[in-house]
PDB file of N, CA and C in Angstrom:
ATOM      1  N   MET A   1     -30.611  30.668   8.465  1.00  0.00           N
ATOM      2  CA  MET A   1     -29.107  29.742   8.190  1.00  0.00           C
ATOM      3  C   MET A   1     -28.179  31.094   8.580  1.00  0.00           C
ATOM      4  N   ILE A   2     -27.454  30.498   9.565  1.00  0.00           N
ATOM      5  CA  ILE A   2     -25.868  31.418   9.334  1.00  0.00           C
ATOM      6  C   ILE A   2     -25.347  32.310   7.973  1.00  0.00           C
ATOM      7  N   THR A   3     -24.300  32.240   7.946  1.00  0.00           N
ATOM      8  CA  THR A   3     -23.378  32.359   6.562  1.00  0.00           C
ATOM      9  C   THR A   3     -22.046  31.678   6.859  1.00  0.00           C
ATOM     10  N   GLU A   4     -21.322  31.504   6.450  1.00  0.00           N
ATOM     11  CA  GLU A   4     -19.894  30.227   6.966  1.00  0.00           C
ATOM     12  C   GLU A   4     -19.324  31.991   7.366  1.00  0.00           C
ATOM     13  N   LYS A   5     -19.140  33.051   7.316  1.00  0.00           N
ATOM     14  CA  LYS A   5     -18.124  33.677   7.944  1.00  0.00           C
ATOM     15  C   LYS A   5     -18.413  34.351   9.690  1.00  0.00           C
ATOM     16  N   LEU A   6     -19.638  34.252   9.226  1.00  0.00           N
ATOM     17  CA  LEU A   6     -20.652  34.361  10.902  1.00  0.00           C
ATOM     18  C   LEU A   6     -20.448  32.766  11.560  1.00  0.00           C
ATOM     19  N   GLN A   7     -19.900  31.534  11.324  1.00  0.00           N
ATOM     20  CA  GLN A   7     -19.812  30.008  11.738  1.00  0.00           C
ATOM     21  C   GLN A   7     -18.674  30.140  11.961  1.00  0.00           C
ATOM     22  N   ASN A   8     -17.160  30.544  11.627  1.00  0.00           N
ATOM     23  CA  ASN A   8     -16.236  30.942  11.254  1.00  0.00           C
ATOM     24  C   ASN A   8     -15.968  32.090  12.424  1.00  0.00           C
ATOM     25  N   LEU A   9     -17.143  32.802  12.438  1.00  0.00           N
ATOM     26  CA  LEU A   9     -16.783  34.248  14.100  1.00  0.00           C
ATOM     27  C   LEU A   9     -16.454  33.696  15.221  1.00  0.00           C
ATOM     28  N   ILE A  10     -18.051  32.562  14.738  1.00  0.00           N
ATOM     29  CA  ILE A  10     -18.439  32.098  16.124  1.00  0.00           C
ATOM     30  C   ILE A  10     -17.797  30.991  16.835  1.00  0.00           C
ATOM     31  N   ALA A  11     -16.861  30.580  15.920  1.00  0.00           N
ATOM     32  CA  ALA A  11     -15.872  29.083  16.176  1.00  0.00           C
ATOM     33  C   ALA A  11     -14.689  29.872  17.014  1.00  0.00           C
ATOM     34  N   GLY A  12     -14.315  30.989  15.985  1.00  0.00           N
ATOM     35  CA  GLY A  12     -13.330  31.865  16.586  1.00  0.00           C
ATOM     36  C   GLY A  12     -13.315  32.224  17.970  1.00  0.00           C
ATOM     37  N   HIS A  13     -14.280  33.281  18.294  1.00  0.00           N
ATOM     38  CA  HIS A  13     -14.623  33.443  19.478  1.00  0.00           C
ATOM     39  C   HIS A  13     -14.431  32.665  20.940  1.00  0.00           C
ATOM     40  N   ILE A  14     -14.957  30.917  20.551  1.00  0.00           N
ATOM     41  CA  ILE A  14     -15.277  30.113  21.396  1.00  0.00           C
ATOM     42  C   ILE A  14     -13.719  29.649  21.231  1.00  0.00           C
ATOM     43  N   ALA A  15     -12.959  29.447  20.481  1.00  0.00           N
ATOM     44  CA  ALA A  15     -11.596  29.300  20.395  1.00  0.00           C
ATOM     45  C   ALA A  15     -10.519  30.458  20.809  1.00  0.00           C
ATOM     46  N   SER A  16     -11.146  31.211  21.288  1.00  0.00           N
ATOM     47  CA  SER A  16      -9.551  32.448  21.526  1.00  0.00           C
ATOM     48  C   SER A  16     -10.443  32.887  22.716  1.00  0.00           C
ATOM     49  N   SER A  17     -11.475  33.147  23.449  1.00  0.00           N
ATOM     50  CA  SER A  17     -11.916  33.438  24.162  1.00  0.00           C
ATOM     51  C   SER A  17     -12.947  32.895  25.070  1.00  0.00           C
ATOM     52  N   LEU A  18     -13.626  31.918  24.834  1.00  0.00           N
ATOM     53  CA  LEU A  18     -14.433  31.295  25.961  1.00  0.00           C
ATOM     54  C   LEU A  18     -14.498  29.911  26.894  1.00  0.00           C
ATOM     55  N   ILE A  19     -13.221  29.770  25.863  1.00  0.00           N
ATOM     56  CA  ILE A  19     -12.334  27.761  26.781  1.00  0.00           C
ATOM     57  C   ILE A  19     -11.430  28.903  27.763  1.00  0.00           C
ATOM     58  N   ASP A  20     -11.225  28.443  29.576  1.00  0.00           N
ATOM     59  CA  ASP A  20     -10.196  28.507  29.976  1.00  0.00           C
ATOM     60  C   ASP A  20     -10.338  27.530  31.341  1.00  0.00           C
ATOM     61  N   SER A  21     -10.674  26.821  31.040  1.00  0.00           N
ATOM     62  CA  SER A  21     -10.473  25.299  31.901  1.00  0.00           C
ATOM     63  C   SER A  21     -10.935  24.454  31.491  1.00  0.00           C
ATOM     64  N   ALA A  22     -11.198  23.263  32.343  1.00  0.00           N
ATOM     65  CA  ALA A  22     -11.493  21.830  32.703  1.00  0.00           C
ATOM     66  C   ALA A  22     -11.703  21.083  33.906  1.00  0.00           C
ATOM     67  N   LYS A  23     -12.399  20.655  33.673  1.00  0.00           N
ATOM     68  CA  LYS A  23     -12.514  19.043  35.430  1.00  0.00           C
ATOM     69  C   LYS A  23     -13.028  18.456  34.868  1.00  0.00           C
ATOM     70  N   VAL A  24     -12.099  16.774  35.592  1.00  0.00           N
ATOM     71  CA  VAL A  24     -13.284  15.851  35.340  1.00  0.00           C
ATOM     72  C   VAL A  24     -13.500  15.406  36.722  1.00  0.00           C
ATOM     73  N   GLY A  25     -15.048  14.167  36.186  1.00  0.00           N
ATOM     74  CA  GLY A  25     -15.438  14.160  37.247  1.00  0.00           C
ATOM     75  C   GLY A  25     -15.748  12.524  37.121  1.00  0.00           C
ATOM     76  N   LEU A  26     -16.541  12.098  37.932  1.00  0.00           N
ATOM     77  CA  LEU A  26     -17.290  10.610  38.251  1.00  0.00           C
ATOM     78  C   LEU A  26     -18.360  10.545  37.666  1.00  0.00           C
ATOM     79  N   GLY A  27     -19.411  11.605  38.035  1.00  0.00           N
ATOM     80  CA  GLY A  27     -20.963  10.879  37.578  1.00  0.00           C
ATOM     81  C   GLY A  27     -21.124  10.900  35.883  1.00  0.00           C
ATOM     82  N   GLY A  28     -22.063  10.252  35.494  1.00  0.00           N
ATOM     83  CA  GLY A  28     -21.690   9.987  34.118  1.00  0.00           C
ATOM     84  C   GLY A  28     -22.716   9.922  33.965  1.00  0.00           C
ATOM     85  N   ASN A  29     -24.423  10.705  34.261  1.00  0.00           N
ATOM     86  CA  ASN A  29     -26.241  10.247  34.130  1.00  0.00           C
ATOM     87  C   ASN A  29     -26.085  12.360  32.910  1.00  0.00           C
ATOM     88  N   SER A  30     -27.376  11.766  32.172  1.00  0.00           N
ATOM     89  CA  SER A  30     -27.163  12.852  30.995  1.00  0.00           C
ATOM     90  C   SER A  30     -27.159  14.871  31.968  1.00  0.00           C
ATOM     91  N   THR A  31     -26.650  15.106  31.152  1.00  0.00           N
ATOM     92  CA  THR A  31     -26.392  16.816  31.707  1.00  0.00           C
ATOM     93  C   THR A  31     -27.913  18.038  31.399  1.00  0.00           C
ATOM     94  N   PHE A  32     -28.272  18.775  32.485  1.00  0.00           N
ATOM     95  CA  PHE A  32     -29.512  19.360  32.798  1.00  0.00           C
ATOM     96  C   PHE A  32     -28.754  20.504  32.021  1.00  0.00           C
ATOM     97  N   PRO A  33     -29.442  21.865  30.878  1.00  0.00           N
ATOM     98  CA  PRO A  33     -28.990  22.685  30.164  1.00  0.00           C
ATOM     99  C   PRO A  33     -28.405  24.171  30.835  1.00  0.00           C
ATOM    100  N   THR A  34     -29.389  24.043  32.815  1.00  0.00           N
ATOM    101  CA  THR A  34     -28.999  24.685  33.503  1.00  0.00           C
ATOM    102  C   THR A  34     -27.643  24.343  34.334  1.00  0.00           C
ATOM    103  N   GLN A  35     -27.034  23.779  34.532  1.00  0.00           N
ATOM    104  CA  GLN A  35     -25.711  22.709  35.367  1.00  0.00           C
ATOM    105  C   GLN A  35     -24.939  23.447  34.757  1.00  0.00           C
ATOM    106  N   THR A  36     -23.759  24.329  35.792  1.00  0.00           N
ATOM    107  CA  THR A  36     -22.559  25.394  36.494  1.00  0.00           C
ATOM    108  C   THR A  36     -21.693  24.685  36.457  1.00  0.00           C
ATOM    109  N   ASP A  37     -21.817  23.191  36.956  1.00  0.00           N
ATOM    110  CA  ASP A  37     -20.091  22.481  37.235  1.00  0.00           C
ATOM    111  C   ASP A  37     -20.517  20.921  36.540  1.00  0.00           C
ATOM    112  N   LEU A  38     -19.835  20.013  36.687  1.00  0.00           N
ATOM    113  CA  LEU A  38     -19.978  18.831  36.761  1.00  0.00           C
ATOM    114  C   LEU A  38     -20.732  18.126  37.864  1.00  0.00           C
ATOM    115  N   ASP A  39     -21.224  16.738  37.638  1.00  0.00           N
ATOM    116  CA  ASP A  39     -22.282  15.903  38.657  1.00  0.00           C
ATOM    117  C   ASP A  39     -21.488  16.050  39.507  1.00  0.00           C
ATOM    118  N   VAL A  40     -20.261  15.172  39.397  1.00  0.00           N
ATOM    119  CA  VAL A  40     -19.736  14.862  40.378  1.00  0.00           C
ATOM    120  C   VAL A  40     -17.639  15.465  40.779  1.00  0.00           C
ATOM    121  N   PRO A  41     -17.381  16.621  39.996  1.00  0.00           N
ATOM    122  CA  PRO A  41     -16.438  16.567  40.030  1.00  0.00           C
ATOM    123  C   PRO A  41     -15.496  16.548  41.035  1.00  0.00           C
ATOM    124  N   LEU A  42     -14.318  15.967  40.457  1.00  0.00           N
ATOM    125  CA  LEU A  42     -13.072  15.598  41.542  1.00  0.00           C
ATOM    126  C   LEU A  42     -11.879  16.956  41.177  1.00  0.00           C
ATOM    127  N   THR A  43     -12.356  17.351  42.833  1.00  0.00           N
ATOM    128  CA  THR A  43     -12.139  18.767  43.150  1.00  0.00           C
ATOM    129  C   THR A  43     -10.951  18.954  43.050  1.00  0.00           C
ATOM    130  N   SER A  44      -9.767  18.074  43.385  1.00  0.00           N
ATOM    131  CA  SER A  44      -8.286  18.265  43.705  1.00  0.00           C
ATOM    132  C   SER A  44      -7.597  18.351  42.471  1.00  0.00           C
ATOM    133  N   VAL A  45      -8.723  17.221  41.450  1.00  0.00           N
ATOM    134  CA  VAL A  45      -7.972  17.452  39.834  1.00  0.00           C
ATOM    135  C   VAL A  45      -8.742  18.689  38.658  1.00  0.00           C
ATOM    136  N   SER A  46      -7.526  18.953  37.760  1.00  0.00           N
ATOM    137  CA  SER A  46      -8.066  19.526  37.099  1.00  0.00           C
ATOM    138  C   SER A  46      -6.721  19.271  35.932  1.00  0.00           C
ATOM    139  N   ALA A  47      -7.430  19.683  35.219  1.00  0.00           N
ATOM    140  CA  ALA A  47      -6.736  19.673  32.925  1.00  0.00           C
ATOM    141  C   ALA A  47      -5.714  20.380  33.802  1.00  0.00           C
ATOM    142  N   VAL A  48      -4.633  20.564  32.955  1.00  0.00           N
ATOM    143  CA  VAL A  48      -3.163  21.256  33.421  1.00  0.00           C
ATOM    144  C   VAL A  48      -3.644  22.322  31.481  1.00  0.00           C
ATOM    145  N   SER A  49      -4.303  21.820  30.591  1.00  0.00           N
ATOM    146  CA  SER A  49      -4.193  22.563  29.532  1.00  0.00           C
ATOM    147  C   SER A  49      -6.156  21.698  28.524  1.00  0.00           C
ATOM    148  N   ALA A  50      -6.380  23.185  28.357  1.00  0.00           N
ATOM    149  CA  ALA A  50      -7.702  23.209  26.640  1.00  0.00           C
ATOM    150  C   ALA A  50      -7.530  24.796  25.661  1.00  0.00           C
ATOM    151  N   ALA A  51      -6.811  23.448  25.266  1.00  0.00           N
ATOM    152  CA  ALA A  51      -6.346  23.977  23.833  1.00  0.00           C
ATOM    153  C   ALA A  51      -7.477  24.090  22.807  1.00  0.00           C
ATOM    154  N   THR A  52      -7.059  24.762  21.985  1.00  0.00           N
ATOM    155  CA  THR A  52      -8.525  24.945  20.707  1.00  0.00           C
ATOM    156  C   THR A  52      -7.602  24.464  19.149  1.00  0.00           C
ATOM    157  N   ASN A  53      -8.506  24.217  17.725  1.00  0.00           N
ATOM    158  CA  ASN A  53      -7.916  24.128  16.971  1.00  0.00           C
ATOM    159  C   ASN A  53      -7.921  25.318  16.199  1.00  0.00           C
ATOM    160  N   ASP A  54      -7.634  25.789  14.883  1.00  0.00           N
ATOM    161  CA  ASP A  54      -7.911  26.272  13.648  1.00  0.00           C
ATOM    162  C   ASP A  54      -9.093  27.255  13.841  1.00  0.00           C
ATOM    163  N   ALA A  55      -9.228  29.071  14.050  1.00  0.00           N
ATOM    164  CA  ALA A  55     -10.056  29.335  14.279  1.00  0.00           C
ATOM    165  C   ALA A  55     -10.529  29.794  12.059  1.00  0.00           C
ATOM    166  N   ASN A  56     -10.059  29.204  11.743  1.00  0.00           N
ATOM    167  CA  ASN A  56     -10.803  30.187  10.309  1.00  0.00           C
ATOM    168  C   ASN A  56     -11.787  28.689   9.403  1.00  0.00           C
ATOM    169  N   SER A  57     -11.615  27.751  10.659  1.00  0.00           N
ATOM    170  CA  SER A  57     -13.041  27.242  10.571  1.00  0.00           C
ATOM    171  C   SER A  57     -13.973  26.838  11.306  1.00  0.00           C
ATOM    172  N   ASN A  58     -15.261  26.562  11.442  1.00  0.00           N
ATOM    173  CA  ASN A  58     -16.311  26.430  11.961  1.00  0.00           C
ATOM    174  C   ASN A  58     -16.502  25.110  12.691  1.00  0.00           C
ATOM    175  N   VAL A  59     -15.512  24.616  12.712  1.00  0.00           N
ATOM    176  CA  VAL A  59     -15.346  23.162  14.229  1.00  0.00           C
ATOM    177  C   VAL A  59     -13.611  23.753  14.629  1.00  0.00           C
ATOM    178  N   VAL A  60     -14.507  23.471  16.371  1.00  0.00           N
ATOM    179  CA  VAL A  60     -13.452  23.997  17.756  1.00  0.00           C
ATOM    180  C   VAL A  60     -13.327  22.472  17.962  1.00  0.00           C
ATOM    181  N   GLN A  61     -11.820  22.648  18.079  1.00  0.00           N
ATOM    182  CA  GLN A  61     -11.584  20.878  18.739  1.00  0.00           C
ATOM    183  C   GLN A  61     -10.773  21.812  19.875  1.00  0.00           C
ATOM    184  N   ILE A  62     -11.157  20.773  20.939  1.00  0.00           N
ATOM    185  CA  ILE A  62     -10.495  21.197  22.340  1.00  0.00           C
ATOM    186  C   ILE A  62      -9.863  20.348  23.008  1.00  0.00           C
ATOM    187  N   LYS A  63      -8.517  20.183  23.522  1.00  0.00           N
ATOM    188  CA  LYS A  63      -7.666  19.155  23.712  1.00  0.00           C
ATOM    189  C   LYS A  63      -7.991  19.199  24.998  1.00  0.00           C
ATOM    190  N   VAL A  64      -7.916  18.249  26.252  1.00  0.00           N
ATOM    191  CA  VAL A  64      -8.029  18.743  27.028  1.00  0.00           C
ATOM    192  C   VAL A  64      -7.363  17.647  27.666  1.00  0.00           C
ATOM    193  N   THR A  65      -6.317  17.894  28.434  1.00  0.00           N
ATOM    194  CA  THR A  65      -4.711  17.178  28.741  1.00  0.00           C
ATOM    195  C   THR A  65      -5.061  17.043  30.478  1.00  0.00           C
ATOM    196  N   VAL A  66      -4.672  15.701  31.615  1.00  0.00           N
ATOM    197  CA  VAL A  66      -4.950  15.678  32.208  1.00  0.00           C
ATOM    198  C   VAL A  66      -3.509  14.428  32.966  1.00  0.00           C
ATOM    199  N   ASN A  67      -2.998  15.155  34.608  1.00  0.00           N
ATOM    200  CA  ASN A  67      -1.531  14.125  34.356  1.00  0.00           C
ATOM    201  C   ASN A  67      -2.429  14.014  35.668  1.00  0.00           C
ATOM    202  N   CYS A  68      -2.151  12.204  35.517  1.00  0.00           N
ATOM    203  CA  CYS A  68      -3.035  11.443  36.982  1.00  0.00           C
ATOM    204  C   CYS A  68      -2.213  11.227  38.347  1.00  0.00           C
ATOM    205  N   ASN A  69      -1.166  12.034  38.109  1.00  0.00           N
ATOM    206  CA  ASN A  69      -0.323  12.194  38.746  1.00  0.00           C
ATOM    207  C   ASN A  69      -0.683  13.370  40.486  1.00  0.00           C
ATOM    208  N   GLN A  70      -1.790  13.891  39.983  1.00  0.00           N
ATOM    209  CA  GLN A  70      -2.650  14.794  40.659  1.00  0.00           C
ATOM    210  C   GLN A  70      -3.338  13.767  41.628  1.00  0.00           C
ATOM    211  N   ALA A  71      -2.645  14.716  42.927  1.00  0.00           N
ATOM    212  CA  ALA A  71      -3.561  14.233  44.726  1.00  0.00           C
ATOM    213  C   ALA A  71      -5.810  13.403  44.338  1.00  0.00           C
ATOM    214  N   GLY A  72      -5.510  12.338  44.700  1.00  0.00           N
ATOM    215  CA  GLY A  72      -6.942  12.066  43.836  1.00  0.00           C
ATOM    216  C   GLY A  72      -7.289  11.496  43.190  1.00  0.00           C
ATOM    217  N   MET A  73      -6.265  11.276  42.536  1.00  0.00           N
ATOM    218  CA  MET A  73      -6.787  10.868  40.879  1.00  0.00           C
ATOM    219  C   MET A  73      -6.144   9.496  40.743  1.00  0.00           C
ATOM    220  N   THR A  74      -5.518   9.115  41.291  1.00  0.00           N
ATOM    221  CA  THR A  74      -5.069   7.445  41.558  1.00  0.00           C
ATOM    222  C   THR A  74      -6.573   6.804  41.934  1.00  0.00           C
ATOM    223  N   GLY A  75      -6.415   5.010  41.132  1.00  0.00           N
ATOM    224  CA  GLY A  75      -7.207   4.116  41.059  1.00  0.00           C
ATOM    225  C   GLY A  75      -8.430   5.146  40.982  1.00  0.00           C
ATOM    226  N   GLN A  76      -9.034   6.227  40.060  1.00  0.00           N
ATOM    227  CA  GLN A  76     -10.658   6.731  39.935  1.00  0.00           C
ATOM    228  C   GLN A  76     -11.389   6.152  39.278  1.00  0.00           C
ATOM    229  N   VAL A  77     -11.960   5.921  38.810  1.00  0.00           N
ATOM    230  CA  VAL A  77     -13.075   5.460  36.895  1.00  0.00           C
ATOM    231  C   VAL A  77     -13.555   6.832  36.603  1.00  0.00           C
ATOM    232  N   LEU A  78     -13.242   7.481  35.644  1.00  0.00           N
ATOM    233  CA  LEU A  78     -14.231   7.997  35.148  1.00  0.00           C
ATOM    234  C   LEU A  78     -15.188   8.404  34.284  1.00  0.00           C
ATOM    235  N   ARG A  79     -16.073   9.196  33.901  1.00  0.00           N
ATOM    236  CA  ARG A  79     -16.904   9.147  33.874  1.00  0.00           C
ATOM    237  C   ARG A  79     -17.616  10.761  33.199  1.00  0.00           C
ATOM    238  N   GLU A  80     -16.392  11.315  32.764  1.00  0.00           N
ATOM    239  CA  GLU A  80     -17.708  12.799  32.566  1.00  0.00           C
ATOM    240  C   GLU A  80     -15.993  13.748  32.271  1.00  0.00           C
ATOM    241  N   VAL A  81     -16.558  14.984  31.705  1.00  0.00           N
ATOM    242  CA  VAL A  81     -15.567  15.616  31.495  1.00  0.00           C
ATOM    243  C   VAL A  81     -15.709  17.239  32.057  1.00  0.00           C
ATOM    244  N   GLY A  82     -15.292  18.193  31.119  1.00  0.00           N
ATOM    245  CA  GLY A  82     -16.831  19.714  31.343  1.00  0.00           C
ATOM    246  C   GLY A  82     -15.941  20.646  31.128  1.00  0.00           C
ATOM    247  N   VAL A  83     -15.819  21.597  29.772  1.00  0.00           N
ATOM    248  CA  VAL A  83     -15.038  22.254  29.758  1.00  0.00           C
ATOM    249  C   VAL A  83     -16.003  23.742  30.547  1.00  0.00           C
ATOM    250  N   PHE A  84     -14.884  24.722  31.195  1.00  0.00           N
ATOM    251  CA  PHE A  84     -15.473  25.969  31.716  1.00  0.00           C
ATOM    252  C   PHE A  84     -14.962  27.169  30.981  1.00  0.00           C
ATOM    253  N   ASP A  85     -16.087  28.169  31.003  1.00  0.00           N
ATOM    254  CA  ASP A  85     -15.107  29.591  30.677  1.00  0.00           C
ATOM    255  C   ASP A  85     -14.588  29.950  32.090  1.00  0.00           C
ATOM    256  N   SER A  86     -14.797  31.302  32.290  1.00  0.00           N
ATOM    257  CA  SER A  86     -14.111  31.978  33.806  1.00  0.00           C
ATOM    258  C   SER A  86     -15.078  31.021  35.306  1.00  0.00           C
ATOM    259  N   THR A  87     -16.230  30.967  34.929  1.00  0.00           N
ATOM    260  CA  THR A  87     -17.199  31.300  35.954  1.00  0.00           C
ATOM    261  C   THR A  87     -18.508  30.090  35.837  1.00  0.00           C
ATOM    262  N   ASP A  88     -18.567  29.783  34.870  1.00  0.00           N
ATOM    263  CA  ASP A  88     -19.351  27.727  34.139  1.00  0.00           C
ATOM    264  C   ASP A  88     -19.284  26.995  33.384  1.00  0.00           C
ATOM    265  N   LEU A  89     -20.049  26.064  33.573  1.00  0.00           N
ATOM    266  CA  LEU A  89     -19.852  25.022  32.521  1.00  0.00           C
ATOM    267  C   LEU A  89     -20.032  25.542  30.952  1.00  0.00           C
ATOM    268  N   VAL A  90     -19.365  25.130  30.095  1.00  0.00           N
ATOM    269  CA  VAL A  90     -20.440  25.486  29.267  1.00  0.00           C
ATOM    270  C   VAL A  90     -20.237  24.060  27.798  1.00  0.00           C
ATOM    271  N   ILE A  91     -19.232  23.223  28.157  1.00  0.00           N
ATOM    272  CA  ILE A  91     -19.219  21.694  27.417  1.00  0.00           C
ATOM    273  C   ILE A  91     -19.504  20.576  28.193  1.00  0.00           C
ATOM    274  N   ARG A  92     -20.686  20.035  28.503  1.00  0.00           N
ATOM    275  CA  ARG A  92     -20.143  18.662  29.478  1.00  0.00           C
ATOM    276  C   ARG A  92     -20.600  17.579  28.633  1.00  0.00           C
ATOM    277  N   GLN A  93     -19.293  16.072  28.798  1.00  0.00           N
ATOM    278  CA  GLN A  93     -19.722  15.507  28.072  1.00  0.00           C
ATOM    279  C   GLN A  93     -19.630  14.315  29.124  1.00  0.00           C
ATOM    280  N   ASN A  94     -20.149  12.968  28.983  1.00  0.00           N
ATOM    281  CA  ASN A  94     -19.772  12.396  30.275  1.00  0.00           C
ATOM    282  C   ASN A  94     -20.004  10.772  29.485  1.00  0.00           C
ATOM    283  N   PHE A  95     -19.266   9.589  29.505  1.00  0.00           N
ATOM    284  CA  PHE A  95     -18.901   8.372  29.120  1.00  0.00           C
ATOM    285  C   PHE A  95     -19.122   7.526  29.965  1.00  0.00           C
ATOM    286  N   ASP A  96     -18.509   6.305  29.210  1.00  0.00           N
ATOM    287  CA  ASP A  96     -18.346   5.229  30.302  1.00  0.00           C
ATOM    288  C   ASP A  96     -17.623   5.223  30.426  1.00  0.00           C
ATOM    289  N   GLY A  97     -17.520   4.610  32.374  1.00  0.00           N
ATOM    290  CA  GLY A  97     -15.925   5.520  32.392  1.00  0.00           C
ATOM    291  C   GLY A  97     -14.747   4.560  31.959  1.00  0.00           C
ATOM    292  N   ILE A  98     -13.558   4.984  32.399  1.00  0.00           N
ATOM    293  CA  ILE A  98     -12.692   4.804  32.153  1.00  0.00           C
ATOM    294  C   ILE A  98     -11.595   4.470  33.105  1.00  0.00           C
ATOM    295  N   GLY A  99     -10.493   3.588  33.643  1.00  0.00           N
ATOM    296  CA  GLY A  99     -10.115   3.747  35.093  1.00  0.00           C
ATOM    297  C   GLY A  99      -9.625   2.572  35.800  1.00  0.00           C
ATOM    298  N   PRO A 100      -9.607   2.376  36.759  1.00  0.00           N
ATOM    299  CA  PRO A 100      -7.664   3.137  37.267  1.00  0.00           C
ATOM    300  C   PRO A 100      -7.494   3.641  36.648  1.00  0.00           C
ATOM    301  N   PHE A 101      -6.859   4.710  37.052  1.00  0.00           N
ATOM    302  CA  PHE A 101      -5.382   5.382  36.520  1.00  0.00           C
ATOM    303  C   PHE A 101      -3.888   5.095  37.984  1.00  0.00           C
ATOM    304  N   SER A 102      -2.963   4.815  37.402  1.00  0.00           N
ATOM    305  CA  SER A 102      -2.309   4.927  37.968  1.00  0.00           C
ATOM    306  C   SER A 102      -1.371   6.622  37.977  1.00  0.00           C
ATOM    307  N   SER A 103      -0.502   7.128  38.702  1.00  0.00           N
ATOM    308  CA  SER A 103      -0.094   8.231  38.969  1.00  0.00           C
ATOM    309  C   SER A 103       0.772   8.916  37.235  1.00  0.00           C
ATOM    310  N   ASN A 104       1.420   7.718  36.500  1.00  0.00           N
ATOM    311  CA  ASN A 104       2.146   7.602  35.719  1.00  0.00           C
ATOM    312  C   ASN A 104       1.474   8.083  35.085  1.00  0.00           C
ATOM    313  N   ASP A 105       0.239   7.630  34.603  1.00  0.00           N
ATOM    314  CA  ASP A 105      -0.838   8.310  33.420  1.00  0.00           C
ATOM    315  C   ASP A 105      -1.386   9.887  33.133  1.00  0.00           C
ATOM    316  N   THR A 106      -1.137   9.339  31.537  1.00  0.00           N
ATOM    317  CA  THR A 106      -1.561  11.420  31.484  1.00  0.00           C
ATOM    318  C   THR A 106      -2.738  10.499  30.251  1.00  0.00           C
ATOM    319  N   LEU A 107      -3.865  11.824  30.893  1.00  0.00           N
ATOM    320  CA  LEU A 107      -5.059  11.375  29.739  1.00  0.00           C
ATOM    321  C   LEU A 107      -5.205  12.654  28.576  1.00  0.00           C
ATOM    322  N   GLU A 108      -5.994  12.165  27.332  1.00  0.00           N
ATOM    323  CA  GLU A 108      -6.588  13.581  26.532  1.00  0.00           C
ATOM    324  C   GLU A 108      -7.802  13.713  26.043  1.00  0.00           C
ATOM    325  N   PHE A 109      -8.315  14.112  26.542  1.00  0.00           N
ATOM    326  CA  PHE A 109      -9.653  14.075  25.405  1.00  0.00           C
ATOM    327  C   PHE A 109      -9.780  15.194  24.407  1.00  0.00           C
ATOM    328  N   PHE A 110     -10.838  14.404  23.745  1.00  0.00           N
ATOM    329  CA  PHE A 110     -10.513  15.918  22.462  1.00  0.00           C
ATOM    330  C   PHE A 110     -12.091  16.016  22.657  1.00  0.00           C
ATOM    331  N   ILE A 111     -12.758  17.238  22.464  1.00  0.00           N
ATOM    332  CA  ILE A 111     -14.295  17.732  22.101  1.00  0.00           C
ATOM    333  C   ILE A 111     -13.903  17.674  20.590  1.00  0.00           C
ATOM    334  N   LEU A 112     -14.676  18.173  20.207  1.00  0.00           N
ATOM    335  CA  LEU A 112     -14.873  18.420  19.278  1.00  0.00           C
ATOM    336  C   LEU A 112     -16.328  18.850  18.457  1.00  0.00           C
ATOM    337  N   LEU A 113     -16.139  20.392  18.407  1.00  0.00           N
ATOM    338  CA  LEU A 113     -17.373  21.529  18.615  1.00  0.00           C
ATOM    339  C   LEU A 113     -17.824  22.433  17.153  1.00  0.00           C
ATOM    340  N   GLU A 114     -19.180  21.429  16.132  1.00  0.00           N
ATOM    341  CA  GLU A 114     -18.989  22.143  15.349  1.00  0.00           C
ATOM    342  C   GLU A 114     -20.216  23.600  15.232  1.00  0.00           C
ATOM    343  N   VAL A 115     -20.029  24.636  14.772  1.00  0.00           N
ATOM    344  CA  VAL A 115     -21.533  26.101  14.675  1.00  0.00           C
ATOM    345  C   VAL A 115     -21.674  25.734  12.996  1.00  0.00           C
ATOM    346  N   GLU A 116     -22.694  25.209  13.614  1.00  0.00           N
ATOM    347  CA  GLU A 116     -23.765  25.452  12.339  1.00  0.00           C
ATOM    348  C   GLU A 116     -24.323  26.603  11.992  1.00  0.00           C
TER     349      GLU A 116
END
């Protein structure tokens, strides 16, 4: 067991320096631990923000916002979202397909990560 203080420190590190970017994609199957990218990323689409929550807790809330007016997004059905550090995938979540989207839509994904 780790202490509550260490849980908060790890969550704070994740919130302040680990999350750099996010992507959305069309793949929907399970995630392998060795994956470094989404299954089927929409390469022309990137998330405009990946924000994290209060670092004084052991829970990190990652908010990913995607504007659907980007080329390649209109008419797509998304099945995965991924969060990245400077080079690799650190969190991938697959889900039932959502979409298609029009160019004036904005998507928000909320990912909760609890350090235990």
